[in-house]
Amino acid sequence: MNTHWINPATRLHRDQRGVISILSVFAVLMLTALLGMVMNVGRQIDGKIRLQNAADAAAYSGGVMVARALNALAFSNHLLSEVMALTALMREGRDQQSDKYVPAILGAWETAGRIFQKSPFPKFQRLGSAILQQVPLEQELAEAFSAWAKATSELILPTLELILEQEMIPEFERAVVRAYPDMAQQAALEAALANGRPDHGRGDLCGVVWRTGSNVMPVGGYGEAFRGTIPAIDPADPSHADRRSEARNQRDRLASQYVARWNNEVLWFFDRRARMCQYAVLWRNFVDGQRFPPCGQLKRVLAEYDKNLPHLIRTPRRDIPDGAINQHLDEEFTLVGVAYWNPLPEFAPRIFFNPMPASSVAFAQVRVFVPHRRLVWRHHVPADERFGGMPGNFPPLPPPGSGDTPPPQSTASESWDVGREPGVSERWDLLNQHWVAQLVPATNEWIPLIIQQPPQVPGVNAQQYQLPNVALPMDQVLRVNTH
């Protein structure tokens, strides 16, 4: 039997040289595949996180710009009324109508003082001397105040009247309504772009802010001609003529409040130390005309510059049915930010591939609103219900760093409790400068439609994105979306 061929085969079976090399090749291939999978998974997770961050940033940036627009309108509405109030004050300083009555009033006091001096009673004699000493001082004070008011009026009044004559403040408000939606869209684009660096071959990350409701379209651009993103109206517009009376009443009421504040400031000394001349009463009457309206400078200013009207909130609360409040909030004060990014090129594409060729899309929702007043510790002292006060007159507060530690134990003369922060308005109108924006759960019913729309904004090539087909109602979208 010929067995010469058996020995080499036997030796081959027993020869283990090179086995490690073969195993190493398979191990390296396996590790390479595992590394490729880990890198692909890591890049996809990183891209998903950055895409969602971009959507959050886009939505929040757009919401913040809308809140800033509302605050700017509220500030300028206050400014408009205050300019009218200051114009009335400066006109009285120019006309000096109060001055001509002061000598007669002080003359009557001087006559009374001489009569008191002739009284047989020492008390009345001292009173008469005090009156005669006070009369020239108050006359000098009235003349000095009048001179100051006239000089101030010469400097300030022309500027104030020019502002009102050219309707600069209403024009500024119209510019705010026109410009801020485009600014909101640009802020969303920039915020999304910042989250898309480096792009790893995906191209620019695009962020777009969308309006919700029956007019789904991107914020800014041509859509603002139909129903603006900023929920405000211009009463001077013929289409809103029915709201002019409301705007006029709001402006007049606020201007009267500012006149009262300015009068309290400039007439402080007359109210407390120089009451005999009645200059404060005369000045107030000629400025605001509360007692004799035809004499009021403010009445004439408001009538002369009647076209200077403040912007108003688009839909007042009285026009919203109780059952439609949530729908109103979704349509007027809610925005949706969407981020678009091309598919991520695979690492080792022959081994791993992305089964979804569509572009990646993420979304977030933001709401603009006026927050409730904050909860604060309130310090109650008998006959003193103030919280805080002027510097140097603060009530004792909890020590720094106490956090939620309760305040000191109350005593018979003082007490502490928790209440809402005083002096902060919660009204949803354009006199409130506390508008804010906040990300909220993305539950708007228009989201499925929005994420299927191409990002039609200036500077963005919408054709580069292949959008997903999400033919699902919102309740089913919520089942797979936790944002």
Protein backbone atom coordinates (compact mmCIF):
# COMPACT_ATOMS: atom_id res chain seq x y z
CA MET A 1 0.00 0.00 0.00
CA ASN A 2 1.41 3.33 -1.06
CA THR A 3 1.24 5.73 1.91
CA HIS A 4 3.81 8.31 0.90
CA TRP A 5 1.08 10.93 0.43
CA ILE A 6 -0.40 10.40 3.92
CA ASN A 7 2.57 11.70 5.85
CA PRO A 8 2.48 15.24 4.31
CA ALA A 9 -1.27 15.47 4.96
CA THR A 10 -0.73 14.40 8.53
CA ARG A 11 2.03 16.85 8.98
CA LEU A 12 -0.22 19.65 7.53
CA HIS A 13 -2.93 18.91 10.07
CA ARG A 14 -0.45 19.00 12.91
CA ASP A 15 1.32 22.12 11.62
CA GLN A 16 -0.28 25.22 13.33
CA ARG A 17 2.02 27.82 11.89
CA GLY A 18 0.06 30.84 10.42
CA VAL A 19 -3.17 30.14 12.30
CA ILE A 20 -2.83 33.36 14.34
CA SER A 21 -2.37 35.33 11.14
CA ILE A 22 -5.57 33.93 9.69
CA LEU A 23 -7.49 34.58 12.90
CA SER A 24 -6.04 38.07 13.04
CA VAL A 25 -7.30 38.79 9.55
CA PHE A 26 -10.81 37.74 10.51
CA ALA A 27 -10.58 39.65 13.80
CA VAL A 28 -9.39 42.80 12.06
CA LEU A 29 -12.20 42.53 9.54
CA MET A 30 -14.73 42.05 12.34
CA LEU A 31 -13.30 44.92 14.38
CA THR A 32 -13.27 47.12 11.28
CA ALA A 33 -16.92 46.34 10.66
CA LEU A 34 -17.71 46.98 14.32
CA LEU A 35 -15.78 50.26 14.22
CA GLY A 36 -17.67 51.30 11.11
CA MET A 37 -20.97 50.49 12.80
CA VAL A 38 -20.00 52.41 15.95
CA MET A 39 -18.85 55.39 13.93
CA ASN A 40 -22.01 55.38 11.83
CA VAL A 41 -24.22 55.11 14.91
CA GLY A 42 -22.23 57.84 16.69
CA ARG A 43 -22.42 60.19 13.72
CA GLN A 44 -26.15 59.57 13.34
CA ILE A 45 -26.77 60.25 17.04
CA ASP A 46 -24.60 63.36 16.93
CA GLY A 47 -26.45 64.55 13.83
CA LYS A 48 -29.83 63.87 15.42
CA ILE A 49 -28.92 65.80 18.59
CA ARG A 50 -27.55 68.73 16.63
CA LEU A 51 -30.57 68.69 14.32
CA GLN A 52 -32.96 68.85 17.28
CA ASN A 53 -30.84 71.55 18.92
CA ALA A 54 -31.07 73.50 15.68
CA ALA A 55 -34.86 73.14 15.63
CA ASP A 56 -35.08 74.30 19.25
CA ALA A 57 -32.76 77.23 18.57
CA ALA A 58 -34.67 78.21 15.42
CA ALA A 59 -38.03 78.12 17.18
CA TYR A 60 -36.79 79.96 20.26
CA SER A 61 -34.95 82.60 18.21
CA GLY A 62 -38.08 83.30 16.20
CA GLY A 63 -40.24 83.44 19.32
CA VAL A 64 -37.84 85.81 21.06
CA MET A 65 -37.92 88.19 18.10
CA VAL A 66 -41.73 88.21 18.14
CA ALA A 67 -41.70 88.89 21.90
CA ARG A 68 -39.20 91.69 21.38
CA ALA A 69 -41.43 93.18 18.69
CA LEU A 70 -44.41 93.21 21.06
CA ASN A 71 -42.28 94.76 23.81
CA ALA A 72 -41.00 97.38 21.36
CA LEU A 73 -44.57 98.24 20.38
CA ALA A 74 -45.59 98.48 24.04
CA PHE A 75 -42.62 100.73 24.80
CA SER A 76 -43.35 103.01 21.85
CA ASN A 77 -47.04 103.19 22.83
CA HIS A 78 -45.97 104.46 26.24
CA LEU A 79 -43.48 106.79 24.55
CA LEU A 80 -46.18 108.24 22.30
CA SER A 81 -48.40 109.10 25.27
CA GLU A 82 -45.48 110.50 27.24
CA VAL A 83 -44.39 112.70 24.33
CA MET A 84 -47.90 114.12 24.20
CA ALA A 85 -47.85 114.70 27.95
CA LEU A 86 -44.47 116.44 27.77
CA THR A 87 -45.67 118.56 24.86
CA ALA A 88 -48.57 119.80 26.99
CA LEU A 89 -46.18 120.62 29.84
CA MET A 90 -43.75 122.42 27.55
CA ARG A 91 -46.53 124.45 25.95
CA GLU A 92 -47.65 125.65 29.35
CA GLY A 93 -44.04 126.55 30.09
CA ARG A 94 -44.01 128.54 26.85
CA ASP A 95 -47.39 130.25 27.34
CA GLN A 96 -47.00 130.88 31.11
CA GLN A 97 -50.75 131.13 31.66
CA SER A 98 -50.41 130.39 35.37
CA ASP A 99 -48.12 133.35 36.05
CA LYS A 100 -50.68 136.11 35.61
CA TYR A 101 -52.88 134.83 38.45
CA VAL A 102 -50.13 134.45 41.04
CA PRO A 103 -49.62 138.17 41.86
CA ALA A 104 -53.33 138.68 42.57
CA ILE A 105 -53.47 135.61 44.81
CA LEU A 106 -50.35 136.61 46.73
CA GLY A 107 -51.66 140.18 46.91
CA ALA A 108 -54.75 138.88 48.67
CA TRP A 109 -52.53 136.96 51.07
CA GLU A 110 -50.48 140.07 51.71
CA THR A 111 -53.65 142.02 52.57
CA ALA A 112 -54.71 139.23 54.90
CA GLY A 113 -51.28 139.25 56.52
CA ARG A 114 -51.47 142.97 57.29
CA ILE A 115 -54.92 142.48 58.79
CA PHE A 116 -53.64 139.67 61.00
CA GLN A 117 -50.74 141.84 62.12
CA LYS A 118 -53.18 144.40 63.50
CA SER A 119 -54.98 141.76 65.54
CA PRO A 120 -54.84 142.17 69.35
CA PHE A 121 -54.00 138.48 69.68
CA PRO A 122 -50.26 137.59 69.59
CA LYS A 123 -50.94 134.36 67.76
CA PHE A 124 -52.58 136.17 64.83
CA GLN A 125 -49.86 138.81 64.88
CA ARG A 126 -47.22 136.10 64.39
CA LEU A 127 -49.35 134.52 61.66
CA GLY A 128 -49.56 137.84 59.85
CA SER A 129 -45.78 138.31 60.04
CA ALA A 130 -45.22 134.78 58.72
CA ILE A 131 -47.61 135.40 55.81
CA LEU A 132 -45.88 138.65 54.87
CA GLN A 133 -42.51 136.89 55.03
CA GLN A 134 -43.76 133.99 52.86
CA VAL A 135 -45.42 136.10 50.13
CA PRO A 136 -42.25 137.45 48.44
CA LEU A 137 -40.57 134.04 48.70
CA GLU A 138 -43.40 132.31 46.88
CA GLN A 139 -43.53 135.08 44.28
CA GLU A 140 -39.82 134.63 43.66
CA LEU A 141 -40.23 130.85 43.51
CA ALA A 142 -43.07 131.13 40.97
CA GLU A 143 -41.02 133.48 38.81
CA ALA A 144 -37.96 131.21 38.95
CA PHE A 145 -40.02 128.15 38.07
CA SER A 146 -41.69 129.99 35.22
CA ALA A 147 -38.33 131.11 33.84
CA TRP A 148 -36.99 127.57 34.06
CA ALA A 149 -40.08 126.14 32.34
CA LYS A 150 -39.85 128.72 29.53
CA ALA A 151 -36.15 128.07 28.93
CA THR A 152 -36.73 124.32 28.94
CA SER A 153 -39.64 124.69 26.56
CA GLU A 154 -37.55 126.64 24.06
CA LEU A 155 -35.08 123.74 23.93
CA ILE A 156 -37.40 120.73 23.99
CA LEU A 157 -40.80 121.76 22.59
CA PRO A 158 -39.74 122.07 18.89
CA THR A 159 -38.38 118.53 18.94
CA LEU A 160 -41.50 117.10 20.60
CA GLU A 161 -43.81 118.86 18.15
CA LEU A 162 -41.72 117.67 15.20
CA ILE A 163 -42.02 114.07 16.46
CA LEU A 164 -45.80 114.40 16.65
CA GLU A 165 -46.22 116.39 13.45
CA GLN A 166 -44.34 113.84 11.35
CA GLU A 167 -45.91 110.89 13.21
CA MET A 168 -42.47 109.43 13.88
CA ILE A 169 -43.59 107.03 16.61
CA PRO A 170 -46.46 105.44 14.61
CA GLU A 171 -44.07 105.15 11.66
CA PHE A 172 -41.55 103.41 13.90
CA GLU A 173 -44.25 100.98 15.05
CA ARG A 174 -45.17 100.19 11.45
CA ALA A 175 -41.50 99.53 10.72
CA VAL A 176 -41.34 97.17 13.69
CA VAL A 177 -44.31 95.17 12.40
CA ARG A 178 -42.75 94.98 8.93
CA ALA A 179 -39.16 94.24 9.90
CA TYR A 180 -39.30 91.91 12.88
CA PRO A 181 -40.78 88.86 11.06
CA ASP A 182 -37.88 88.92 8.59
CA MET A 183 -35.48 89.42 11.49
CA ALA A 184 -37.04 86.41 13.24
CA GLN A 185 -36.55 84.26 10.14
CA GLN A 186 -32.95 85.39 9.74
CA ALA A 187 -32.27 84.69 13.42
CA ALA A 188 -33.66 81.17 12.96
CA LEU A 189 -31.44 80.57 9.92
CA GLU A 190 -28.33 81.76 11.75
CA ALA A 191 -29.12 79.75 14.89
CA ALA A 192 -29.60 76.57 12.85
CA LEU A 193 -26.49 77.19 10.78
CA ALA A 194 -24.39 77.48 13.94
CA ASN A 195 -25.52 74.00 15.01
CA GLY A 196 -24.56 72.52 11.63
CA ARG A 197 -20.80 72.98 11.89
CA PRO A 198 -19.00 70.79 10.98
CA ASP A 199 -21.44 69.46 8.41
CA HIS A 200 -19.64 66.11 7.66
CA GLY A 201 -20.68 66.37 4.03
CA ARG A 202 -24.36 67.06 4.69
CA GLY A 203 -24.36 70.68 3.50
CA ASP A 204 -25.82 73.62 5.39
CA LEU A 205 -28.28 72.95 8.18
CA CYS A 206 -31.38 75.05 7.50
CA GLY A 207 -33.78 76.35 10.14
CA VAL A 208 -37.16 77.89 9.32
CA VAL A 209 -39.82 79.38 11.60
CA TRP A 210 -43.37 78.59 10.56
CA ARG A 211 -46.68 80.16 11.47
CA THR A 212 -49.46 77.83 12.53
CA GLY A 213 -53.19 77.88 12.04
CA SER A 214 -55.13 78.22 8.82
CA ASN A 215 -52.33 80.26 7.18
CA VAL A 216 -49.41 77.85 7.40
CA MET A 217 -46.43 79.61 5.84
CA PRO A 218 -42.93 80.69 6.83
CA VAL A 219 -42.56 83.76 9.01
CA GLY A 220 -41.66 86.89 7.02
CA GLY A 221 -41.63 87.37 3.28
CA TYR A 222 -44.73 87.61 1.14
CA GLY A 223 -46.94 85.94 3.77
CA GLU A 224 -46.91 89.05 5.93
CA ALA A 225 -49.17 90.81 3.44
CA PHE A 226 -52.09 88.51 4.31
CA ARG A 227 -51.95 88.24 8.09
CA GLY A 228 -48.84 89.45 9.83
CA THR A 229 -46.83 87.35 12.24
CA ILE A 230 -46.83 90.15 14.82
CA PRO A 231 -50.34 90.02 16.39
CA ALA A 232 -50.80 93.78 16.26
CA ILE A 233 -52.85 96.20 14.15
CA ASP A 234 -52.44 99.82 13.12
CA PRO A 235 -55.69 101.72 13.86
CA ALA A 236 -54.70 104.32 11.25
CA ASP A 237 -55.14 101.64 8.58
CA PRO A 238 -58.57 102.00 6.90
CA SER A 239 -59.22 98.27 7.39
CA HIS A 240 -59.08 98.77 11.17
CA ALA A 241 -61.08 102.00 11.42
CA ASP A 242 -63.43 100.31 13.90
CA ARG A 243 -60.61 100.16 16.48
CA ARG A 244 -59.60 103.84 16.27
CA SER A 245 -61.83 104.91 19.13
CA GLU A 246 -60.30 102.22 21.35
CA ALA A 247 -56.77 103.33 20.41
CA ARG A 248 -57.61 106.99 20.98
CA ASN A 249 -59.09 106.29 24.42
CA GLN A 250 -56.08 104.23 25.40
CA ARG A 251 -53.67 106.96 24.28
CA ASP A 252 -55.60 109.75 26.00
CA ARG A 253 -55.92 107.84 29.26
CA LEU A 254 -52.22 107.00 29.33
CA ALA A 255 -51.21 110.56 28.41
CA SER A 256 -53.29 111.87 31.32
CA GLN A 257 -51.48 109.49 33.65
CA TYR A 258 -48.10 110.69 32.41
CA VAL A 259 -49.15 114.33 32.80
CA ALA A 260 -50.12 113.61 36.41
CA ARG A 261 -46.77 111.94 37.09
CA TRP A 262 -44.77 114.75 35.54
CA ASN A 263 -46.79 117.35 37.43
CA ASN A 264 -46.19 115.52 40.69
CA GLU A 265 -42.46 115.57 39.99
CA VAL A 266 -42.00 119.18 38.90
CA LEU A 267 -44.51 120.65 41.36
CA TRP A 268 -43.28 118.77 44.41
CA PHE A 269 -42.07 121.89 46.23
CA PHE A 270 -45.22 123.86 45.43
CA ASP A 271 -47.37 120.99 46.76
CA ARG A 272 -45.52 120.90 50.08
CA ARG A 273 -43.82 124.23 50.78
CA ALA A 274 -45.45 126.89 48.61
CA ARG A 275 -49.19 126.38 48.70
CA MET A 276 -50.28 129.98 49.24
CA CYS A 277 -49.71 131.06 45.65
CA GLN A 278 -51.81 128.15 44.32
CA TYR A 279 -49.29 127.79 41.49
CA ALA A 280 -49.55 123.99 41.50
CA VAL A 281 -53.35 124.12 41.13
CA LEU A 282 -53.15 126.69 38.35
CA TRP A 283 -50.41 124.83 36.49
CA ARG A 284 -52.25 121.51 36.64
CA ASN A 285 -55.46 123.07 35.38
CA PHE A 286 -53.78 124.74 32.43
CA VAL A 287 -51.87 121.56 31.55
CA ASP A 288 -54.46 118.79 31.91
CA GLY A 289 -57.70 120.80 32.08
CA GLN A 290 -59.32 118.51 34.63
CA ARG A 291 -61.43 121.29 36.16
CA PHE A 292 -61.80 123.51 33.09
CA PRO A 293 -61.25 121.31 29.98
CA PRO A 294 -61.12 124.19 27.45
CA CYS A 295 -58.04 125.51 29.27
CA GLY A 296 -56.11 122.22 29.10
CA GLN A 297 -52.98 122.10 26.97
CA LEU A 298 -53.20 118.30 26.84
CA LYS A 299 -56.69 118.41 25.32
CA ARG A 300 -55.44 120.66 22.54
CA VAL A 301 -52.35 118.51 21.91
CA LEU A 302 -54.42 115.33 21.66
CA ALA A 303 -56.84 116.98 19.24
CA GLU A 304 -54.11 118.61 17.14
CA TYR A 305 -52.10 115.41 16.70
CA ASP A 306 -55.02 113.02 16.61
CA LYS A 307 -53.46 110.86 13.86
CA ASN A 308 -50.77 109.68 16.27
CA LEU A 309 -52.46 106.46 17.36
CA PRO A 310 -50.88 103.52 19.23
CA HIS A 311 -50.87 100.01 17.84
CA LEU A 312 -53.30 97.55 19.42
CA ILE A 313 -53.29 93.81 19.98
CA ARG A 314 -54.94 92.23 16.96
CA THR A 315 -57.72 90.28 18.69
CA PRO A 316 -58.89 91.61 22.06
CA ARG A 317 -59.93 89.16 24.75
CA ARG A 318 -63.57 90.18 24.48
CA ASP A 319 -63.70 88.85 20.91
CA ILE A 320 -62.40 85.36 21.81
CA PRO A 321 -65.04 82.79 22.83
CA ASP A 322 -64.15 80.86 25.96
CA GLY A 323 -64.05 77.59 24.07
CA ALA A 324 -61.69 78.93 21.39
CA ILE A 325 -58.87 80.27 23.56
CA ASN A 326 -56.47 77.41 22.82
CA GLN A 327 -57.14 77.70 19.10
CA HIS A 328 -56.53 81.45 19.31
CA LEU A 329 -53.21 80.89 21.09
CA ASP A 330 -52.15 78.38 18.44
CA GLU A 331 -52.95 80.76 15.61
CA GLU A 332 -51.71 84.06 17.06
CA PHE A 333 -48.97 83.31 19.58
CA THR A 334 -47.47 79.97 18.52
CA LEU A 335 -44.62 79.27 16.10
CA VAL A 336 -43.00 76.05 14.94
CA GLY A 337 -39.31 75.85 14.17
CA VAL A 338 -38.20 73.19 11.68
CA ALA A 339 -34.60 72.16 10.95
CA TYR A 340 -33.67 70.51 7.64
CA TRP A 341 -30.45 68.61 6.93
CA ASN A 342 -29.40 66.41 4.05
CA PRO A 343 -28.74 62.69 4.75
CA LEU A 344 -25.45 61.90 6.44
CA PRO A 345 -22.96 60.13 4.12
CA GLU A 346 -22.28 56.65 5.51
CA PHE A 347 -18.90 55.55 6.78
CA ALA A 348 -17.98 52.35 4.86
CA PRO A 349 -21.00 52.65 2.55
CA ARG A 350 -20.53 49.20 1.02
CA ILE A 351 -21.17 47.62 4.39
CA PHE A 352 -23.60 50.09 5.96
CA PHE A 353 -26.22 52.12 4.17
CA ASN A 354 -29.03 54.46 5.20
CA PRO A 355 -32.41 52.95 4.24
CA MET A 356 -34.06 56.43 4.34
CA PRO A 357 -32.91 58.64 1.47
CA ALA A 358 -35.05 61.59 2.64
CA SER A 359 -33.53 64.57 4.41
CA SER A 360 -33.56 64.62 8.20
CA VAL A 361 -36.18 66.89 9.74
CA ALA A 362 -36.68 67.98 13.36
CA PHE A 363 -39.19 70.41 14.80
CA ALA A 364 -39.94 72.38 17.97
CA GLN A 365 -42.75 74.62 19.15
CA VAL A 366 -42.53 77.99 20.89
CA ARG A 367 -45.17 80.21 22.41
CA VAL A 368 -45.13 83.95 23.05
CA PHE A 369 -47.03 85.05 26.16
CA VAL A 370 -47.19 87.29 29.22
CA PRO A 371 -46.14 85.27 32.30
CA HIS A 372 -47.88 85.28 35.64
CA ARG A 373 -46.35 87.34 38.38
CA ARG A 374 -43.68 85.55 40.37
CA LEU A 375 -44.22 84.34 43.92
CA VAL A 376 -42.25 86.41 46.44
CA TRP A 377 -42.01 86.81 50.19
CA ARG A 378 -44.15 89.76 51.30
CA HIS A 379 -43.32 91.70 54.44
CA HIS A 380 -46.28 93.25 56.25
CA VAL A 381 -45.82 96.04 58.74
CA PRO A 382 -48.76 97.85 60.34
CA ALA A 383 -49.81 100.75 58.11
CA ASP A 384 -47.14 99.73 55.58
CA GLU A 385 -48.06 97.22 52.86
CA ARG A 386 -45.10 97.95 50.58
CA PHE A 387 -42.59 95.38 49.41
CA GLY A 388 -39.17 96.94 49.12
CA GLY A 389 -38.99 100.71 48.94
CA MET A 390 -36.47 103.41 48.29
CA PRO A 391 -32.78 102.64 48.90
CA GLY A 392 -32.12 102.81 52.60
CA ASN A 393 -35.73 102.02 53.47
CA PHE A 394 -35.92 98.29 52.73
CA PRO A 395 -37.76 95.99 55.12
CA PRO A 396 -35.68 93.11 56.50
CA LEU A 397 -35.58 90.30 53.95
CA PRO A 398 -34.51 86.64 54.26
CA PRO A 399 -30.71 86.34 54.43
CA PRO A 400 -28.79 85.75 51.16
CA GLY A 401 -28.47 82.12 50.19
CA SER A 402 -31.49 81.07 52.22
CA GLY A 403 -33.20 79.79 49.07
CA ASP A 404 -36.58 78.40 50.05
CA THR A 405 -35.96 78.88 53.75
CA PRO A 406 -39.00 80.51 55.37
CA PRO A 407 -38.60 84.09 56.63
CA PRO A 408 -38.05 84.91 60.28
CA GLN A 409 -40.86 84.18 62.67
CA SER A 410 -43.59 86.79 62.61
CA THR A 411 -44.07 89.07 65.57
CA ALA A 412 -47.06 90.95 66.84
CA SER A 413 -46.04 94.04 64.89
CA GLU A 414 -45.03 92.45 61.58
CA SER A 415 -45.68 89.34 59.50
CA TRP A 416 -44.51 87.51 56.40
CA ASP A 417 -46.44 85.62 53.77
CA VAL A 418 -46.10 84.50 50.16
CA GLY A 419 -47.84 86.38 47.40
CA ARG A 420 -47.60 87.52 43.83
CA GLU A 421 -45.02 90.13 42.89
CA PRO A 422 -46.72 93.56 43.07
CA GLY A 423 -46.72 96.17 40.34
CA VAL A 424 -46.35 93.73 37.42
CA SER A 425 -49.03 93.65 34.73
CA GLU A 426 -50.42 90.38 33.41
CA ARG A 427 -52.59 91.95 30.70
CA TRP A 428 -52.16 90.66 27.15
CA ASP A 429 -52.06 94.06 25.46
CA LEU A 430 -49.59 96.42 23.85
CA LEU A 431 -49.06 98.46 26.98
CA ASN A 432 -47.38 95.51 28.71
CA GLN A 433 -43.61 95.24 28.22
CA HIS A 434 -43.26 91.79 29.79
CA TRP A 435 -43.77 89.57 26.72
CA VAL A 436 -41.55 86.47 26.72
CA ALA A 437 -41.03 83.35 24.60
CA GLN A 438 -40.76 79.78 25.82
CA LEU A 439 -40.37 76.36 24.21
CA VAL A 440 -43.44 74.20 24.81
CA PRO A 441 -44.36 70.61 23.90
CA ALA A 442 -44.80 70.28 20.13
CA THR A 443 -48.47 69.34 19.94
CA ASN A 444 -49.79 71.74 17.31
CA GLU A 445 -52.15 70.00 14.91
CA TRP A 446 -50.51 71.66 11.90
CA ILE A 447 -47.08 70.11 12.47
CA PRO A 448 -47.60 67.13 10.07
CA LEU A 449 -48.41 69.60 7.29
CA ILE A 450 -45.56 71.95 8.19
CA ILE A 451 -42.81 69.33 8.11
CA GLN A 452 -43.85 68.31 4.60
CA GLN A 453 -43.50 71.85 3.25
CA PRO A 454 -40.23 72.92 1.57
CA PRO A 455 -38.34 75.73 3.35
CA GLN A 456 -39.45 78.56 1.08
CA VAL A 457 -37.38 81.39 2.51
CA PRO A 458 -34.98 83.78 0.77
CA GLY A 459 -31.43 82.50 0.51
CA VAL A 460 -32.35 78.81 0.85
CA ASN A 461 -32.45 76.34 -2.05
CA ALA A 462 -35.51 74.28 -1.18
CA GLN A 463 -34.79 71.80 -3.99
CA GLN A 464 -31.79 70.36 -2.16
CA TYR A 465 -34.00 68.76 0.49
CA GLN A 466 -36.03 65.60 -0.08
CA LEU A 467 -38.79 65.88 2.49
CA PRO A 468 -40.40 62.88 4.20
CA ASN A 469 -43.95 61.86 3.45
CA VAL A 470 -45.73 62.00 6.79
CA ALA A 471 -49.31 61.15 5.96
CA LEU A 472 -50.29 60.79 9.62
CA PRO A 473 -52.64 62.75 11.87
CA MET A 474 -51.13 64.57 14.82
CA ASP A 475 -52.28 62.04 17.41
CA GLN A 476 -50.30 59.32 15.65
CA VAL A 477 -47.30 61.61 15.22
CA LEU A 478 -47.30 62.14 18.98
CA ARG A 479 -47.05 58.39 19.52
CA VAL A 480 -43.67 58.27 17.84
CA ASN A 481 -42.50 61.76 18.84
CA THR A 482 -41.60 62.61 22.42
CA HIS A 483 -40.48 66.20 21.87
